[in-house]
Amino acid sequence: MSWEQVYEQWANEENLEENLKQQLNDLRQDPEKLEDAFYAPLEFGTAGMRGILGPGINRMNIYTVRQATEGLARFMDTQGTEIKKRGVAIAYDSRHQSPEFAMEAAKTLAQHDIPSFVFESLRPTPELSFAVRHLNTFAGIMVTASHNPAAYNGYKVYGEDGGQMPPADADALTKYVREVSNPLRVEVLEDEKAKASDLITIIGEEVDRAYLEEIKAVTIDQELVETMGKDLKLVYTPLHGTGKMLGERALKQAGFEQFVLVPEQAIPDPDFTTVKSPNPEEHSAFEYAMRLGEKEDADLLIATDPDADRLGAAVRQPDGTYKVLTGNQIGALLVQYILEAHQSRGTLPENAAVLKSIVSSELPAAIAESYGAKMLNVLTGFKFIAEKIHQFEEDHSQTFMFGFEESYGYLVKPFVRDKDAIQALLLLAEVAAFYKKQGKTLYDGLQTIFEKYGYYAEKTISVTMSGQEGSAKIAALMKQFRDNAPTEFAGAKVLQTEDFKELTKTDTEGNVEKLTTPPSDVLKYVLEEDGWIAIRPSGTEPKIKFYIGVKGESAEDAENEINRYEATVSYTHLTLPTKA
């Protein structure tokens, strides 16, 4: 069926939601946008989807939510009665239509006699991950577009271990979702019947309390927190999202008394009116926090994204101004503290393991090695960290200490199986207290790490390529790199090429080893002098990402190296290095 025919199907649908009907009328005036809304179904990738709100099969609306949930329900139908009885936990964030989407998902499941447990109001993604395990449901649904702009919403599916579904389950689920040919025709339980049935249970405080009980274990040195928690000055912003309630309660519970919320950003707001983008990776997200930090003379500024799975931080520098840390730098500070604190207490396991993604910094790997801990690399996507945690529990080969991704995702304790910014908020405050007790700041702590292990630096370049044309460009670019494998970048020799799609690792002599990860469209080049470059299309946004990692003799040297490599993979012209 052509996109025009699909559009006609929607335009002629008598029962189309009134708001969507109006938006569809408006779209008629813009043929390009109309085509983009209907040219292809919204991609249901590994366990979820994310897109702009609006009418059409390539947009987030009640019909695409019903379609995805119908796929999940059909998948559960094949699993037997006992599995169905366990049901699905559902949470949502502060975005436009999030509560409505959550309830549409619940009513779609109810049509299949599948119970759901829906949070009474907005909750963070990590609490949804926890709720799946706590309630022993078969799956979880999180309605969120994470850190995307206000025009977006999204839908993520979680497996019974509380992690986003691993590839095999995700593929099976995706097959069922794609079999739902017409989202306009998905049946849902009527509102009155839904209210009268016992298939939709509203949950809230009981799960909150259980989560907050578990989070107590994140604090390593309770005595330190009790001593310094009265003095450490912390500014926290949830960026109009879900982090406030649990973040505030977790800090108070641990013993941090001197924290202040950014008042303008503590209120949930689907338009995120005080920020260009509700993304703690972007320095502009800290504008209000910095202003308040200067007023309060704060030691540390922390921001969490709308669904509170990512955390960013800004630390006070010697001149009194604040510097926003990278995700890799926060990861290094947390790894260093966790391993040091456990070693000094004699509680560091012999088989301690830290997990990170293949595009994250090598600095935490150097730190882990110095403490005798093992660093394991996994594909990008926290579900792969969750899979490893599950494996460790099964075979007892390693003890999980910490997992992180450079994109501001961290997990300290595995009662959650996804990134958890509430846990990271608590632990980073403890790390700041540790340095404050020594008369130092987190900035000082980071410099100490650099002095000991070397000046590691990283940079991510994201290039947006939207729509049908953008997808084709991204695919062509990846093909170009594969067909014309570079032998050097900016004069630095490629020592090893790792192709995670083909699962091959090739050295300069042409020797090939097999990679053991699941396949993924990622290329990574290991360079001379501890440098590396990786190229990866985003799984959640219309972007291609270039990752650069270096190690320098000084901060300036590392910065120069970054600039040199960035010029090679410049997003202005996307130059592909030629073969020597």
Protein backbone atom coordinates (compact mmCIF):
# COMPACT_ATOMS: atom_id res chain seq x y z
CA MET A 1 0.00 0.00 0.00
CA SER A 2 1.36 3.45 -0.97
CA TRP A 3 1.66 6.20 1.61
CA GLU A 4 -1.12 8.09 -0.18
CA GLN A 5 -3.47 5.12 0.27
CA VAL A 6 -2.58 4.86 3.96
CA TYR A 7 -3.27 8.58 4.32
CA GLU A 8 -6.68 8.16 2.65
CA GLN A 9 -7.43 5.34 5.10
CA TRP A 10 -6.82 7.74 8.00
CA ALA A 11 -8.61 10.67 6.34
CA ASN A 12 -11.73 8.51 5.80
CA GLU A 13 -11.76 7.03 9.28
CA GLU A 14 -15.02 8.20 10.89
CA ASN A 15 -13.93 7.54 14.46
CA LEU A 16 -10.52 9.22 14.20
CA GLU A 17 -9.72 11.11 17.40
CA GLU A 18 -10.95 14.68 16.99
CA ASN A 19 -7.60 16.34 17.75
CA LEU A 20 -5.80 14.11 15.22
CA LYS A 21 -8.50 14.82 12.64
CA GLN A 22 -7.82 18.56 12.94
CA GLN A 23 -4.03 18.05 12.72
CA LEU A 24 -4.55 15.89 9.63
CA ASN A 25 -6.50 18.71 7.98
CA ASP A 26 -3.65 21.09 8.75
CA LEU A 27 -1.09 18.66 7.28
CA ARG A 28 -2.83 18.75 3.90
CA GLN A 29 -1.30 22.20 3.42
CA ASP A 30 2.23 20.79 3.60
CA PRO A 31 2.73 17.82 1.20
CA GLU A 32 6.28 17.15 2.43
CA LYS A 33 5.24 16.81 6.08
CA LEU A 34 2.20 14.79 5.05
CA GLU A 35 4.39 12.27 3.23
CA ASP A 36 6.79 12.08 6.19
CA ALA A 37 3.88 11.26 8.51
CA PHE A 38 2.73 8.34 6.33
CA TYR A 39 5.65 7.07 4.22
CA ALA A 40 6.58 4.27 6.65
CA PRO A 41 5.48 2.92 10.04
CA LEU A 42 7.19 4.38 13.08
CA GLU A 43 10.20 2.14 13.58
CA PHE A 44 9.61 -0.35 16.39
CA GLY A 45 13.24 -1.12 17.15
CA THR A 46 14.78 -3.18 19.90
CA ALA A 47 11.95 -3.00 22.37
CA GLY A 48 10.47 0.37 21.59
CA MET A 49 9.79 3.40 19.46
CA ARG A 50 10.13 7.15 19.64
CA GLY A 51 8.68 9.81 17.37
CA ILE A 52 7.00 13.18 16.86
CA LEU A 53 3.44 13.49 18.17
CA GLY A 54 0.75 13.74 15.49
CA PRO A 55 -1.42 11.80 13.01
CA GLY A 56 0.08 9.11 10.77
CA ILE A 57 1.78 5.74 11.00
CA ASN A 58 5.19 7.46 11.36
CA ARG A 59 4.06 9.46 14.39
CA MET A 60 3.29 8.86 18.06
CA ASN A 61 -0.48 8.81 18.68
CA ILE A 62 -3.05 6.61 20.40
CA TYR A 63 -3.25 4.35 17.33
CA THR A 64 0.49 3.61 17.10
CA VAL A 65 0.48 3.02 20.87
CA ARG A 66 -2.43 0.59 20.48
CA GLN A 67 -0.63 -1.14 17.62
CA ALA A 68 2.56 -1.65 19.66
CA THR A 69 0.57 -2.88 22.66
CA GLU A 70 -1.52 -5.20 20.48
CA GLY A 71 1.77 -6.75 19.32
CA LEU A 72 2.84 -7.22 22.95
CA ALA A 73 -0.57 -8.73 23.84
CA ARG A 74 -0.39 -11.19 20.93
CA PHE A 75 3.13 -12.14 22.00
CA MET A 76 1.86 -12.77 25.55
CA ASP A 77 -1.09 -14.76 24.18
CA THR A 78 1.46 -17.31 22.87
CA GLN A 79 3.12 -17.63 26.28
CA GLY A 80 0.23 -19.37 28.07
CA THR A 81 -2.35 -18.45 30.70
CA GLU A 82 0.02 -18.24 33.67
CA ILE A 83 2.25 -15.73 31.91
CA LYS A 84 -0.74 -13.61 30.91
CA LYS A 85 -2.00 -13.58 34.50
CA ARG A 86 1.24 -11.93 35.65
CA GLY A 87 0.37 -8.88 33.55
CA VAL A 88 2.26 -5.72 32.62
CA ALA A 89 3.50 -2.74 34.70
CA ILE A 90 2.95 0.66 33.03
CA ALA A 91 4.52 4.04 33.87
CA TYR A 92 4.73 7.37 32.12
CA ASP A 93 6.59 10.68 32.24
CA SER A 94 5.58 14.35 32.02
CA ARG A 95 5.25 14.61 28.22
CA HIS A 96 2.22 15.53 26.17
CA GLN A 97 -0.32 12.67 26.10
CA SER A 98 1.79 10.37 28.29
CA PRO A 99 -1.09 9.57 30.74
CA GLU A 100 -3.46 8.96 27.81
CA PHE A 101 -0.99 6.65 26.07
CA ALA A 102 -0.46 4.68 29.29
CA MET A 103 -4.19 4.12 29.67
CA GLU A 104 -4.64 3.20 25.97
CA ALA A 105 -1.95 0.55 26.45
CA ALA A 106 -3.77 -0.77 29.54
CA LYS A 107 -7.13 -0.94 27.69
CA THR A 108 -5.51 -2.75 24.74
CA LEU A 109 -4.05 -5.36 27.09
CA ALA A 110 -7.40 -5.66 28.91
CA GLN A 111 -9.08 -6.58 25.62
CA HIS A 112 -6.85 -9.69 25.72
CA ASP A 113 -7.66 -10.36 29.41
CA ILE A 114 -4.15 -9.26 30.38
CA PRO A 115 -4.01 -7.31 33.67
CA SER A 116 -1.96 -4.13 33.95
CA PHE A 117 -0.60 -2.16 36.88
CA VAL A 118 -0.62 1.53 36.00
CA PHE A 119 1.09 4.18 38.12
CA GLU A 120 -1.30 6.81 39.49
CA SER A 121 0.88 9.67 38.23
CA LEU A 122 4.20 10.25 36.52
CA ARG A 123 7.15 8.10 37.61
CA PRO A 124 10.81 7.68 36.48
CA THR A 125 11.90 4.94 34.08
CA PRO A 126 14.09 3.23 36.73
CA GLU A 127 11.04 2.84 38.99
CA LEU A 128 9.19 1.12 36.14
CA SER A 129 12.16 -1.25 35.74
CA PHE A 130 12.02 -1.90 39.50
CA ALA A 131 8.22 -2.35 39.46
CA VAL A 132 8.43 -5.17 36.88
CA ARG A 133 10.63 -7.16 39.25
CA HIS A 134 8.83 -6.07 42.42
CA LEU A 135 5.37 -7.02 41.10
CA ASN A 136 6.65 -10.05 39.16
CA THR A 137 4.94 -8.91 35.96
CA PHE A 138 5.86 -10.48 32.64
CA ALA A 139 6.64 -7.14 31.00
CA GLY A 140 6.70 -3.39 31.51
CA ILE A 141 5.77 -0.40 29.34
CA MET A 142 7.34 3.02 29.83
CA VAL A 143 5.76 5.93 27.98
CA THR A 144 8.60 8.41 27.44
CA ALA A 145 10.75 10.01 24.79
CA SER A 146 13.58 10.31 27.33
CA HIS A 147 15.57 13.50 26.62
CA ASN A 148 14.09 14.29 23.19
CA PRO A 149 12.47 17.71 22.51
CA ALA A 150 8.90 18.51 23.59
CA ALA A 151 7.35 17.52 20.24
CA TYR A 152 8.27 13.85 20.85
CA ASN A 153 6.94 10.97 22.85
CA GLY A 154 7.91 7.31 22.95
CA TYR A 155 7.17 3.80 24.14
CA LYS A 156 9.64 1.30 25.64
CA VAL A 157 9.01 -2.35 26.48
CA TYR A 158 10.72 -4.13 29.38
CA GLY A 159 11.17 -7.84 29.94
CA GLU A 160 10.48 -9.78 33.12
CA ASP A 161 13.98 -9.15 34.52
CA GLY A 162 13.29 -5.39 34.47
CA GLY A 163 15.66 -4.69 31.57
CA GLN A 164 14.67 -3.60 28.10
CA MET A 165 14.02 -6.75 26.15
CA PRO A 166 17.12 -8.60 24.91
CA PRO A 167 17.48 -9.08 21.13
CA ALA A 168 15.77 -12.50 20.84
CA ASP A 169 12.62 -11.45 22.76
CA ALA A 170 12.64 -8.02 21.14
CA ASP A 171 12.76 -9.58 17.66
CA ALA A 172 9.86 -11.90 18.53
CA LEU A 173 7.85 -8.97 19.87
CA THR A 174 8.68 -6.79 16.85
CA LYS A 175 7.35 -9.54 14.54
CA TYR A 176 3.97 -9.46 16.32
CA VAL A 177 3.85 -5.65 16.26
CA ARG A 178 4.49 -5.58 12.51
CA GLU A 179 1.72 -8.11 11.93
CA VAL A 180 -0.81 -5.56 13.16
CA SER A 181 -1.47 -4.10 9.74
CA ASN A 182 -4.00 -1.38 10.54
CA PRO A 183 -3.53 0.53 13.82
CA LEU A 184 -6.94 2.19 13.35
CA ARG A 185 -8.65 -1.17 13.80
CA VAL A 186 -7.04 -2.35 17.04
CA GLU A 187 -9.75 -3.13 19.60
CA VAL A 188 -9.50 -1.76 23.13
CA LEU A 189 -11.69 -2.37 26.15
CA GLU A 190 -14.31 0.37 26.44
CA ASP A 191 -13.80 2.95 29.20
CA GLU A 192 -16.83 1.87 31.23
CA LYS A 193 -15.93 -1.82 31.02
CA ALA A 194 -12.32 -1.01 31.91
CA LYS A 195 -13.45 0.85 35.05
CA ALA A 196 -15.71 -2.02 36.05
CA SER A 197 -13.11 -4.75 35.40
CA ASP A 198 -10.33 -5.76 37.74
CA LEU A 199 -7.86 -5.86 34.84
CA ILE A 200 -6.45 -2.35 35.44
CA THR A 201 -4.92 -1.74 38.89
CA ILE A 202 -3.66 1.72 39.88
CA ILE A 203 -0.37 1.62 41.81
CA GLY A 204 1.87 4.20 43.47
CA GLU A 205 3.09 4.76 47.01
CA GLU A 206 3.63 1.09 47.91
CA VAL A 207 6.09 0.71 44.99
CA ASP A 208 7.71 4.08 45.83
CA ARG A 209 8.39 2.91 49.40
CA ALA A 210 9.80 -0.41 48.23
CA TYR A 211 12.13 1.35 45.76
CA LEU A 212 13.29 3.82 48.44
CA GLU A 213 14.01 0.93 50.80
CA GLU A 214 16.25 -0.71 48.18
CA ILE A 215 18.07 2.52 47.34
CA LYS A 216 19.50 2.68 50.85
CA ALA A 217 22.08 0.12 49.66
CA VAL A 218 23.52 2.66 47.16
CA THR A 219 25.15 4.60 50.01
CA ILE A 220 28.53 3.03 50.77
CA ASP A 221 29.78 5.21 53.66
CA GLN A 222 26.74 6.11 55.77
CA GLU A 223 28.92 7.72 58.44
CA LEU A 224 30.45 10.05 55.83
CA VAL A 225 27.00 11.06 54.56
CA GLU A 226 25.70 11.65 58.10
CA THR A 227 28.75 13.82 58.85
CA MET A 228 29.04 15.77 55.59
CA GLY A 229 25.40 15.67 54.46
CA LYS A 230 24.69 18.66 56.68
CA ASP A 231 27.37 20.74 54.91
CA LEU A 232 27.36 19.63 51.28
CA LYS A 233 25.48 22.16 49.19
CA LEU A 234 23.73 20.60 46.24
CA VAL A 235 21.48 22.11 43.57
CA TYR A 236 19.20 19.63 41.80
CA THR A 237 16.99 20.14 38.74
CA PRO A 238 14.65 17.45 37.37
CA LEU A 239 14.24 19.55 34.17
CA HIS A 240 10.42 19.53 34.40
CA GLY A 241 10.37 15.73 34.50
CA THR A 242 9.81 12.81 36.85
CA GLY A 243 12.94 12.96 39.03
CA LYS A 244 11.75 15.33 41.76
CA MET A 245 9.68 13.10 44.01
CA LEU A 246 11.99 10.11 44.32
CA GLY A 247 15.17 12.20 44.01
CA GLU A 248 14.13 14.53 46.83
CA ARG A 249 13.01 11.65 49.07
CA ALA A 250 16.17 9.61 48.39
CA LEU A 251 18.48 12.53 49.28
CA LYS A 252 16.57 13.30 52.50
CA GLN A 253 16.46 9.64 53.47
CA ALA A 254 20.24 9.27 53.05
CA GLY A 255 20.99 12.35 55.19
CA PHE A 256 21.67 15.14 52.68
CA GLU A 257 20.08 18.25 54.17
CA GLN A 258 21.56 21.14 52.19
CA PHE A 259 20.09 20.52 48.76
CA VAL A 260 17.92 22.97 46.84
CA LEU A 261 15.62 22.24 43.91
CA VAL A 262 15.57 24.66 40.97
CA PRO A 263 12.01 25.94 41.58
CA GLU A 264 11.21 26.86 37.96
CA GLN A 265 12.19 23.36 36.77
CA ALA A 266 10.78 21.31 39.65
CA ILE A 267 7.29 21.50 38.14
CA PRO A 268 6.41 18.90 35.46
CA ASP A 269 5.97 20.70 32.14
CA PRO A 270 5.50 18.89 28.81
CA ASP A 271 6.73 21.96 26.92
CA PHE A 272 9.99 22.18 28.96
CA THR A 273 9.58 25.96 28.80
CA THR A 274 12.83 26.91 30.57
CA VAL A 275 15.20 24.88 28.39
CA LYS A 276 15.91 24.51 24.68
CA SER A 277 16.19 20.78 25.24
CA PRO A 278 15.58 18.76 28.46
CA ASN A 279 18.86 16.95 27.98
CA PRO A 280 21.53 17.01 30.74
CA GLU A 281 24.16 16.32 28.03
CA GLU A 282 23.64 19.90 26.83
CA HIS A 283 25.29 22.70 28.79
CA SER A 284 22.30 25.01 28.29
CA ALA A 285 20.21 22.67 30.48
CA PHE A 286 22.26 23.92 33.46
CA GLU A 287 21.58 27.64 32.96
CA TYR A 288 19.03 27.92 35.82
CA ALA A 289 20.99 25.53 38.06
CA MET A 290 24.19 27.58 37.61
CA ARG A 291 22.39 30.78 38.49
CA LEU A 292 21.01 29.22 41.67
CA GLY A 293 24.35 27.49 42.39
CA GLU A 294 26.19 30.82 42.40
CA LYS A 295 23.57 32.30 44.73
CA GLU A 296 23.70 29.30 47.11
CA ASP A 297 27.48 28.77 46.80
CA ALA A 298 26.73 25.17 45.84
CA ASP A 299 29.40 22.46 45.68
CA LEU A 300 27.63 20.48 42.98
CA LEU A 301 24.84 20.91 40.41
CA ILE A 302 22.89 17.86 39.20
CA ALA A 303 20.29 17.56 36.42
CA THR A 304 18.20 14.54 35.44
CA ASP A 305 16.34 14.14 32.15
CA PRO A 306 12.50 13.96 31.96
CA ASP A 307 12.23 10.23 32.70
CA ALA A 308 15.13 10.34 35.20
CA ASP A 309 17.25 7.61 33.67
CA ARG A 310 20.10 9.99 32.69
CA LEU A 311 22.07 12.29 34.97
CA GLY A 312 24.39 15.21 34.21
CA ALA A 313 26.47 17.26 36.64
CA ALA A 314 28.38 20.53 36.86
CA VAL A 315 31.22 21.01 39.36
CA ARG A 316 32.72 24.12 40.85
CA GLN A 317 36.12 25.09 39.46
CA PRO A 318 38.89 26.93 41.33
CA ASP A 319 37.71 30.28 39.90
CA GLY A 320 34.21 29.72 41.32
CA THR A 321 32.50 29.04 37.98
CA TYR A 322 30.84 25.72 37.15
CA LYS A 323 32.01 23.21 34.59
CA VAL A 324 29.63 20.66 33.08
CA LEU A 325 31.18 17.20 33.22
CA THR A 326 30.95 14.67 30.42
CA GLY A 327 29.20 11.36 30.97
CA ASN A 328 32.58 9.65 30.82
CA GLN A 329 34.04 11.91 33.52
CA ILE A 330 31.09 11.23 35.85
CA GLY A 331 31.56 7.51 35.14
CA ALA A 332 35.26 7.75 36.06
CA LEU A 333 34.51 9.57 39.35
CA LEU A 334 31.88 6.99 40.33
CA VAL A 335 34.03 3.96 39.40
CA GLN A 336 37.02 5.36 41.30
CA TYR A 337 34.93 6.02 44.43
CA ILE A 338 33.06 2.69 44.42
CA LEU A 339 36.24 0.60 44.06
CA GLU A 340 38.29 2.71 46.50
CA ALA A 341 35.52 2.76 49.14
CA HIS A 342 35.07 -1.02 48.97
CA GLN A 343 38.80 -1.74 48.91
CA SER A 344 39.43 0.42 51.98
CA ARG A 345 36.66 -1.46 53.83
CA GLY A 346 37.86 -4.89 52.71
CA THR A 347 34.54 -5.46 50.91
CA LEU A 348 35.83 -5.47 47.30
CA PRO A 349 35.08 -8.92 45.83
CA GLU A 350 37.89 -10.80 44.09
CA ASN A 351 35.71 -11.19 41.02
CA ALA A 352 34.52 -7.56 40.90
CA ALA A 353 33.33 -6.41 37.47
CA VAL A 354 32.47 -3.04 35.92
CA LEU A 355 30.47 -2.82 32.69
CA LYS A 356 30.54 -0.13 30.01
CA SER A 357 29.47 0.36 26.41
CA ILE A 358 31.95 -0.01 23.54
CA VAL A 359 31.78 3.74 22.80
CA SER A 360 32.54 4.84 26.37
CA SER A 361 35.88 6.09 27.73
CA GLU A 362 38.82 3.81 28.43
CA LEU A 363 39.65 5.78 31.60
CA PRO A 364 37.29 3.75 33.84
CA ALA A 365 38.89 0.61 32.36
CA ALA A 366 42.32 1.83 33.54
CA ILE A 367 40.85 2.61 36.98
CA ALA A 368 39.18 -0.81 37.26
CA GLU A 369 42.40 -2.58 36.30
CA SER A 370 44.34 -0.76 39.05
CA TYR A 371 41.92 -2.23 41.64
CA GLY A 372 42.04 -5.73 40.15
CA ALA A 373 38.48 -5.41 38.86
CA LYS A 374 37.47 -6.63 35.43
CA MET A 375 36.12 -4.17 32.84
CA LEU A 376 33.70 -5.70 30.33
CA ASN A 377 32.56 -3.92 27.17
CA VAL A 378 29.04 -4.38 25.80
CA LEU A 379 27.05 -2.93 22.91
CA THR A 380 25.35 0.44 23.32
CA GLY A 381 21.99 -0.01 25.04
CA PHE A 382 21.59 -0.63 28.75
CA LYS A 383 19.78 -3.91 28.10
CA PHE A 384 23.18 -5.40 27.32
CA ILE A 385 24.47 -4.35 30.74
CA ALA A 386 21.29 -5.87 32.26
CA GLU A 387 21.95 -9.11 30.35
CA LYS A 388 25.45 -9.34 31.82
CA ILE A 389 24.13 -8.74 35.35
CA HIS A 390 21.67 -11.60 34.82
CA GLN A 391 24.49 -13.81 33.55
CA PHE A 392 26.62 -13.04 36.65
CA GLU A 393 23.69 -14.00 38.89
CA GLU A 394 23.33 -17.29 37.04
CA ASP A 395 26.98 -18.39 36.72
CA HIS A 396 28.55 -16.42 39.63
CA SER A 397 31.52 -15.64 37.36
CA GLN A 398 31.68 -11.96 38.41
CA THR A 399 30.21 -9.63 41.00
CA PHE A 400 28.56 -6.55 39.48
CA MET A 401 29.91 -3.29 40.93
CA PHE A 402 28.80 -0.63 38.44
CA GLY A 403 27.61 -0.13 34.87
CA PHE A 404 27.59 2.98 32.70
CA GLU A 405 27.28 4.49 29.23
CA GLU A 406 28.91 7.68 28.06
CA SER A 407 25.46 9.12 27.31
CA TYR A 408 24.93 9.89 31.02
CA GLY A 409 23.51 6.50 32.02
CA TYR A 410 24.62 4.81 35.30
CA LEU A 411 23.56 1.88 37.46
CA VAL A 412 24.96 1.19 40.94
CA LYS A 413 22.71 -1.52 42.41
CA PRO A 414 20.94 -4.11 40.24
CA PHE A 415 17.49 -3.92 41.88
CA VAL A 416 16.93 -1.80 38.75
CA ARG A 417 17.97 -3.18 35.37
CA ASP A 418 18.23 0.07 33.42
CA LYS A 419 19.97 3.40 33.78
CA ASP A 420 18.99 4.95 37.11
CA ALA A 421 19.57 8.66 37.64
CA ILE A 422 18.07 8.52 41.17
CA GLN A 423 20.77 6.03 42.23
CA ALA A 424 23.45 8.11 40.46
CA LEU A 425 22.19 11.32 42.14
CA LEU A 426 22.60 9.70 45.56
CA LEU A 427 26.05 8.26 44.89
CA LEU A 428 27.48 11.36 43.20
CA ALA A 429 26.38 13.43 46.21
CA GLU A 430 28.32 10.95 48.40
CA VAL A 431 31.41 11.28 46.18
CA ALA A 432 31.18 15.08 46.46
CA ALA A 433 30.92 14.70 50.27
CA PHE A 434 34.04 12.47 50.21
CA TYR A 435 36.10 15.17 48.51
CA LYS A 436 34.57 18.02 50.54
CA LYS A 437 35.69 16.29 53.74
CA GLN A 438 39.25 16.58 52.35
CA GLY A 439 38.74 20.26 51.52
CA LYS A 440 38.43 19.42 47.81
CA THR A 441 35.78 19.65 45.08
CA LEU A 442 34.71 17.05 42.55
CA TYR A 443 36.75 19.04 40.02
CA ASP A 444 39.84 18.47 42.19
CA GLY A 445 38.96 14.79 42.42
CA LEU A 446 38.81 14.50 38.65
CA GLN A 447 42.21 16.18 38.27
CA THR A 448 43.68 13.66 40.74
CA ILE A 449 42.33 10.83 38.57
CA PHE A 450 43.82 12.37 35.40
CA GLU A 451 47.21 12.83 37.09
CA LYS A 452 47.27 9.18 38.10
CA TYR A 453 45.86 7.47 34.99
CA GLY A 454 46.49 9.92 32.14
CA TYR A 455 44.48 12.68 30.49
CA TYR A 456 41.69 10.85 28.72
CA ALA A 457 39.24 12.88 26.67
CA GLU A 458 36.27 12.01 24.49
CA LYS A 459 33.87 13.73 22.14
CA THR A 460 30.63 12.69 20.47
CA ILE A 461 29.55 14.34 17.21
CA SER A 462 25.86 13.82 16.42
CA VAL A 463 24.65 14.54 12.90
CA THR A 464 20.87 14.72 12.41
CA MET A 465 19.55 13.27 9.12
CA SER A 466 15.77 13.28 9.34
CA GLY A 467 13.10 11.63 7.24
CA GLN A 468 13.24 9.16 4.38
CA GLU A 469 16.23 10.87 2.77
CA GLY A 470 18.12 10.99 6.07
CA SER A 471 17.76 7.25 6.69
CA ALA A 472 19.12 6.54 3.20
CA LYS A 473 22.09 8.88 3.77
CA ILE A 474 22.98 7.20 7.06
CA ALA A 475 22.84 3.74 5.45
CA ALA A 476 24.98 4.95 2.51
CA LEU A 477 27.54 6.46 4.87
CA MET A 478 27.93 3.22 6.86
CA LYS A 479 28.28 1.31 3.59
CA GLN A 480 30.92 3.77 2.42
CA PHE A 481 33.01 3.22 5.54
CA ARG A 482 32.70 -0.57 5.17
CA ASP A 483 33.53 -0.60 1.47
CA ASN A 484 36.49 1.78 1.86
CA ALA A 485 37.95 0.78 5.19
CA PRO A 486 40.21 3.64 6.38
CA THR A 487 43.79 2.81 7.29
CA GLU A 488 44.43 6.07 9.15
CA PHE A 489 42.70 9.04 10.73
CA ALA A 490 44.52 12.40 10.83
CA GLY A 491 47.85 10.64 10.39
CA ALA A 492 47.23 8.09 13.15
CA LYS A 493 47.39 4.49 11.95
CA VAL A 494 44.36 2.20 12.35
CA LEU A 495 45.68 -0.77 14.34
CA GLN A 496 42.39 -2.65 14.46
CA THR A 497 38.95 -2.42 12.85
CA GLU A 498 35.96 -3.81 14.76
CA ASP A 499 32.81 -4.32 12.71
CA PHE A 500 29.96 -5.18 15.09
CA LYS A 501 27.56 -5.84 12.23
CA GLU A 502 29.80 -8.41 10.58
CA LEU A 503 31.15 -9.47 14.03
CA THR A 504 34.77 -9.23 12.89
CA LYS A 505 37.93 -7.76 14.41
CA THR A 506 40.62 -7.18 11.78
CA ASP A 507 44.24 -6.10 12.42
CA THR A 508 46.71 -4.40 10.06
CA GLU A 509 47.97 -7.76 8.80
CA GLY A 510 44.48 -8.79 7.75
CA ASN A 511 44.08 -11.31 10.59
CA VAL A 512 40.41 -11.68 11.50
CA GLU A 513 38.94 -12.64 14.88
CA LYS A 514 35.26 -13.26 15.62
CA LEU A 515 33.45 -10.83 17.95
CA THR A 516 31.08 -12.43 20.45
CA THR A 517 28.49 -9.64 20.88
CA PRO A 518 25.08 -9.68 19.17
CA PRO A 519 25.27 -7.96 15.75
CA SER A 520 24.93 -4.17 15.71
CA ASP A 521 25.57 -1.54 13.04
CA VAL A 522 28.72 -0.09 14.65
CA LEU A 523 32.26 0.40 13.35
CA LYS A 524 35.15 1.03 15.74
CA TYR A 525 38.74 1.86 14.79
CA VAL A 526 41.52 1.38 17.38
CA LEU A 527 44.31 3.86 16.64
CA GLU A 528 47.91 4.40 17.62
CA GLU A 529 48.70 6.11 20.94
CA ASP A 530 45.55 4.93 22.76
CA GLY A 531 43.15 6.70 20.40
CA TRP A 532 39.93 5.34 18.90
CA ILE A 533 37.02 6.38 16.67
CA ALA A 534 33.59 4.75 16.46
CA ILE A 535 30.69 5.35 14.06
CA ARG A 536 27.14 4.35 14.94
CA PRO A 537 23.64 5.23 13.72
CA SER A 538 21.40 6.10 16.71
CA GLY A 539 18.81 3.47 17.57
CA THR A 540 16.30 6.03 18.87
CA GLU A 541 16.81 9.22 16.82
CA PRO A 542 17.45 10.11 13.14
CA LYS A 543 21.14 10.65 13.82
CA ILE A 544 24.52 9.20 13.01
CA LYS A 545 27.09 9.50 15.79
CA PHE A 546 30.87 9.76 15.64
CA TYR A 547 32.72 8.97 18.87
CA ILE A 548 36.32 10.03 19.48
CA GLY A 549 38.53 8.88 22.36
CA VAL A 550 42.13 9.92 23.11
CA LYS A 551 44.75 9.85 25.85
CA GLY A 552 47.12 12.81 26.20
CA GLU A 553 50.11 13.87 28.27
CA SER A 554 48.10 16.84 29.56
CA ALA A 555 44.59 18.24 29.31
CA GLU A 556 45.74 20.57 26.53
CA ASP A 557 47.43 17.72 24.66
CA ALA A 558 44.25 15.59 24.86
CA GLU A 559 42.15 18.51 23.62
CA ASN A 560 44.47 19.02 20.65
CA GLU A 561 44.19 15.32 19.77
CA ILE A 562 40.39 15.54 19.90
CA ASN A 563 40.41 18.57 17.59
CA ARG A 564 42.73 16.80 15.15
CA TYR A 565 40.46 13.76 14.85
CA GLU A 566 37.30 15.86 14.79
CA ALA A 567 38.56 17.66 11.71
CA THR A 568 38.87 14.27 10.00
CA VAL A 569 35.32 13.20 10.72
CA SER A 570 33.91 16.71 10.41
CA TYR A 571 30.16 16.63 10.25
CA THR A 572 30.16 19.53 7.83
CA HIS A 573 31.46 17.42 5.02
CA LEU A 574 31.74 13.90 6.52
CA THR A 575 35.08 13.24 4.91
CA LEU A 576 36.01 9.64 4.61
CA PRO A 577 39.77 9.08 4.93
CA THR A 578 41.16 7.42 1.86
CA LYS A 579 43.14 4.22 1.90
CA ALA A 580 46.89 4.73 2.10
